N, C-alpha and C. Protein backbone atom coordinates (compact mmCIF):
# COMPACT_ATOMS: atom_id res chain seq x y z
N MET A 1 17.18 25.96 12.65
CA MET A 1 17.19 24.67 11.99
C MET A 1 18.06 24.76 10.74
N THR A 2 18.81 23.71 10.54
CA THR A 2 19.66 23.68 9.36
C THR A 2 18.89 23.11 8.17
N LEU A 3 19.46 23.29 6.99
CA LEU A 3 18.84 22.76 5.79
C LEU A 3 18.76 21.24 5.86
N TRP A 4 19.78 20.61 6.42
CA TRP A 4 19.81 19.16 6.56
C TRP A 4 18.65 18.68 7.43
N THR A 5 18.38 19.36 8.51
CA THR A 5 17.29 19.00 9.42
C THR A 5 15.94 19.15 8.72
N ILE A 6 15.78 20.22 7.99
CA ILE A 6 14.52 20.43 7.28
C ILE A 6 14.30 19.34 6.23
N CYS A 7 15.35 18.99 5.50
CA CYS A 7 15.24 17.92 4.49
C CYS A 7 14.90 16.58 5.15
N ALA A 8 15.56 16.28 6.25
CA ALA A 8 15.31 15.02 6.95
C ALA A 8 13.87 14.96 7.46
N LEU A 9 13.38 16.06 8.02
CA LEU A 9 12.00 16.09 8.50
C LEU A 9 11.01 15.96 7.35
N THR A 10 11.30 16.58 6.23
CA THR A 10 10.43 16.47 5.06
C THR A 10 10.34 15.03 4.58
N VAL A 11 11.48 14.36 4.51
CA VAL A 11 11.50 12.96 4.08
C VAL A 11 10.75 12.09 5.08
N ALA A 12 10.95 12.33 6.37
CA ALA A 12 10.28 11.53 7.40
C ALA A 12 8.77 11.71 7.34
N VAL A 13 8.31 12.93 7.14
CA VAL A 13 6.88 13.18 7.04
C VAL A 13 6.31 12.52 5.78
N ALA A 14 7.04 12.59 4.67
CA ALA A 14 6.58 11.96 3.43
C ALA A 14 6.46 10.45 3.61
N ILE A 15 7.45 9.83 4.24
CA ILE A 15 7.40 8.38 4.47
C ILE A 15 6.22 8.04 5.37
N ALA A 16 6.00 8.82 6.42
CA ALA A 16 4.88 8.57 7.32
C ALA A 16 3.55 8.68 6.59
N LEU A 17 3.41 9.67 5.72
CA LEU A 17 2.16 9.82 4.97
C LEU A 17 1.95 8.67 3.98
N PHE A 18 3.01 8.25 3.30
CA PHE A 18 2.89 7.11 2.38
C PHE A 18 2.56 5.83 3.14
N ASP A 19 3.16 5.65 4.32
CA ASP A 19 2.85 4.47 5.14
C ASP A 19 1.39 4.50 5.60
N LEU A 20 0.90 5.65 5.98
CA LEU A 20 -0.50 5.77 6.39
C LEU A 20 -1.41 5.44 5.22
N TRP A 21 -1.09 5.94 4.04
CA TRP A 21 -1.88 5.64 2.85
C TRP A 21 -1.87 4.14 2.56
N ALA A 22 -0.70 3.51 2.68
CA ALA A 22 -0.59 2.08 2.44
C ALA A 22 -1.42 1.29 3.46
N LEU A 23 -1.35 1.68 4.72
CA LEU A 23 -2.13 0.99 5.76
C LEU A 23 -3.63 1.12 5.50
N LEU A 24 -4.07 2.29 5.11
CA LEU A 24 -5.49 2.47 4.80
C LEU A 24 -5.89 1.60 3.61
N SER A 25 -5.03 1.54 2.61
CA SER A 25 -5.31 0.70 1.45
C SER A 25 -5.37 -0.78 1.82
N VAL A 26 -4.46 -1.19 2.70
CA VAL A 26 -4.43 -2.59 3.14
C VAL A 26 -5.75 -2.94 3.83
N PHE A 27 -6.18 -2.11 4.75
CA PHE A 27 -7.38 -2.45 5.52
C PHE A 27 -8.67 -2.23 4.74
N ARG A 28 -8.61 -1.53 3.62
CA ARG A 28 -9.79 -1.39 2.76
C ARG A 28 -9.89 -2.53 1.75
N SER A 29 -8.84 -3.33 1.63
CA SER A 29 -8.86 -4.41 0.64
C SER A 29 -9.82 -5.51 1.09
N ASP A 30 -10.14 -6.40 0.17
CA ASP A 30 -11.06 -7.48 0.47
C ASP A 30 -10.34 -8.78 0.80
N LYS A 31 -9.07 -8.70 1.09
CA LYS A 31 -8.29 -9.88 1.46
C LYS A 31 -8.66 -10.33 2.87
N PRO A 32 -8.35 -11.59 3.22
CA PRO A 32 -8.64 -12.07 4.58
C PRO A 32 -7.92 -11.23 5.64
N LEU A 33 -8.47 -11.23 6.83
CA LEU A 33 -7.92 -10.41 7.92
C LEU A 33 -6.46 -10.75 8.21
N GLY A 34 -6.11 -12.02 8.17
CA GLY A 34 -4.72 -12.42 8.44
C GLY A 34 -3.74 -11.82 7.44
N VAL A 35 -4.14 -11.78 6.18
CA VAL A 35 -3.29 -11.19 5.14
C VAL A 35 -3.13 -9.69 5.38
N ARG A 36 -4.24 -9.03 5.70
CA ARG A 36 -4.18 -7.59 5.95
C ARG A 36 -3.32 -7.27 7.17
N LEU A 37 -3.46 -8.07 8.23
CA LEU A 37 -2.64 -7.84 9.42
C LEU A 37 -1.16 -8.09 9.13
N GLY A 38 -0.87 -9.10 8.32
CA GLY A 38 0.52 -9.37 7.95
C GLY A 38 1.14 -8.22 7.19
N TRP A 39 0.41 -7.70 6.20
CA TRP A 39 0.93 -6.56 5.45
C TRP A 39 1.08 -5.34 6.35
N ALA A 40 0.13 -5.12 7.23
CA ALA A 40 0.23 -3.98 8.15
C ALA A 40 1.46 -4.10 9.04
N ALA A 41 1.74 -5.31 9.52
CA ALA A 41 2.91 -5.51 10.37
C ALA A 41 4.21 -5.23 9.60
N VAL A 42 4.27 -5.67 8.35
CA VAL A 42 5.47 -5.43 7.54
C VAL A 42 5.65 -3.93 7.29
N ILE A 43 4.56 -3.24 6.97
CA ILE A 43 4.65 -1.80 6.69
C ILE A 43 5.05 -1.02 7.93
N VAL A 44 4.52 -1.41 9.08
CA VAL A 44 4.84 -0.69 10.32
C VAL A 44 6.26 -1.01 10.79
N ALA A 45 6.66 -2.28 10.71
CA ALA A 45 7.98 -2.69 11.20
C ALA A 45 9.11 -2.17 10.30
N LEU A 46 8.87 -2.14 9.00
CA LEU A 46 9.89 -1.70 8.05
C LEU A 46 9.29 -0.61 7.16
N PRO A 47 9.22 0.63 7.65
CA PRO A 47 8.47 1.66 6.94
C PRO A 47 8.87 1.87 5.48
N VAL A 48 10.13 1.92 5.17
CA VAL A 48 10.55 2.18 3.79
C VAL A 48 10.53 0.89 2.97
N ILE A 49 11.18 -0.13 3.48
CA ILE A 49 11.26 -1.41 2.76
C ILE A 49 9.88 -2.05 2.68
N GLY A 50 9.14 -2.01 3.78
CA GLY A 50 7.80 -2.59 3.79
C GLY A 50 6.88 -1.92 2.80
N LEU A 51 6.98 -0.60 2.68
CA LEU A 51 6.17 0.13 1.72
C LEU A 51 6.53 -0.27 0.29
N ALA A 52 7.83 -0.40 0.03
CA ALA A 52 8.27 -0.80 -1.31
C ALA A 52 7.82 -2.21 -1.65
N VAL A 53 7.95 -3.13 -0.70
CA VAL A 53 7.53 -4.51 -0.93
C VAL A 53 6.03 -4.59 -1.12
N TRP A 54 5.27 -3.85 -0.31
CA TRP A 54 3.82 -3.84 -0.45
C TRP A 54 3.43 -3.26 -1.81
N GLY A 55 4.11 -2.21 -2.23
CA GLY A 55 3.81 -1.62 -3.53
C GLY A 55 4.03 -2.58 -4.68
N LYS A 56 5.01 -3.48 -4.54
CA LYS A 56 5.32 -4.43 -5.60
C LYS A 56 4.44 -5.69 -5.52
N PHE A 57 4.24 -6.22 -4.32
CA PHE A 57 3.59 -7.52 -4.16
C PHE A 57 2.30 -7.50 -3.35
N GLY A 58 1.89 -6.35 -2.89
CA GLY A 58 0.76 -6.26 -1.97
C GLY A 58 -0.59 -6.61 -2.56
N PRO A 59 -1.58 -6.71 -1.68
CA PRO A 59 -2.93 -7.06 -2.12
C PRO A 59 -3.51 -5.94 -2.98
N ARG A 60 -4.01 -6.33 -4.11
CA ARG A 60 -4.65 -5.37 -5.00
C ARG A 60 -6.00 -5.93 -5.42
N ALA A 61 -6.90 -5.05 -5.70
CA ALA A 61 -8.20 -5.48 -6.20
C ALA A 61 -8.02 -5.91 -7.66
N VAL A 62 -8.37 -7.12 -7.96
CA VAL A 62 -8.25 -7.63 -9.31
C VAL A 62 -9.62 -7.56 -9.95
N VAL A 63 -9.71 -6.86 -11.03
CA VAL A 63 -10.97 -6.73 -11.73
C VAL A 63 -11.09 -7.89 -12.69
N GLU A 64 -12.15 -8.67 -12.51
CA GLU A 64 -12.39 -9.81 -13.38
C GLU A 64 -12.93 -9.33 -14.72
N PRO A 65 -12.48 -9.92 -15.80
CA PRO A 65 -13.04 -9.54 -17.10
C PRO A 65 -14.48 -10.03 -17.21
N PRO A 66 -15.26 -9.42 -18.07
CA PRO A 66 -16.66 -9.86 -18.23
C PRO A 66 -16.71 -11.31 -18.67
N SER A 67 -17.59 -12.08 -18.06
CA SER A 67 -17.70 -13.49 -18.40
C SER A 67 -18.87 -13.76 -19.34
N SER A 68 -19.72 -12.78 -19.52
CA SER A 68 -20.90 -12.94 -20.37
C SER A 68 -20.52 -12.77 -21.84
N PRO A 69 -21.04 -13.63 -22.71
CA PRO A 69 -20.77 -13.46 -24.15
C PRO A 69 -21.28 -12.12 -24.68
N GLU A 70 -22.31 -11.57 -24.06
CA GLU A 70 -22.84 -10.28 -24.49
C GLU A 70 -21.82 -9.16 -24.31
N HIS A 71 -21.03 -9.27 -23.25
CA HIS A 71 -20.02 -8.24 -22.99
C HIS A 71 -18.82 -8.40 -23.90
N SER A 72 -18.63 -9.56 -24.45
CA SER A 72 -17.46 -9.82 -25.28
C SER A 72 -17.66 -9.42 -26.73
N LYS A 73 -18.88 -9.11 -27.09
CA LYS A 73 -19.16 -8.72 -28.48
C LYS A 73 -18.55 -7.36 -28.77
N GLY A 74 -18.03 -7.18 -29.96
CA GLY A 74 -17.40 -5.92 -30.29
C GLY A 74 -18.07 -5.15 -31.29
């Protein structure tokens, strides 16, 4: 095996692992099923671009700030 082949395989495996991580994150999110399936389709169809787009715009858990006045006291 040449150095070029080893580098290409390393990059391919890294992309596959990041895509798997993204897919697991998508399906663990609390978004509606249609949204999760849409993101999964984008990630699978476009592994590099889909991963980048999901990383920028994908579903994320939004933590709501405390709404109780007791929590707002400092």
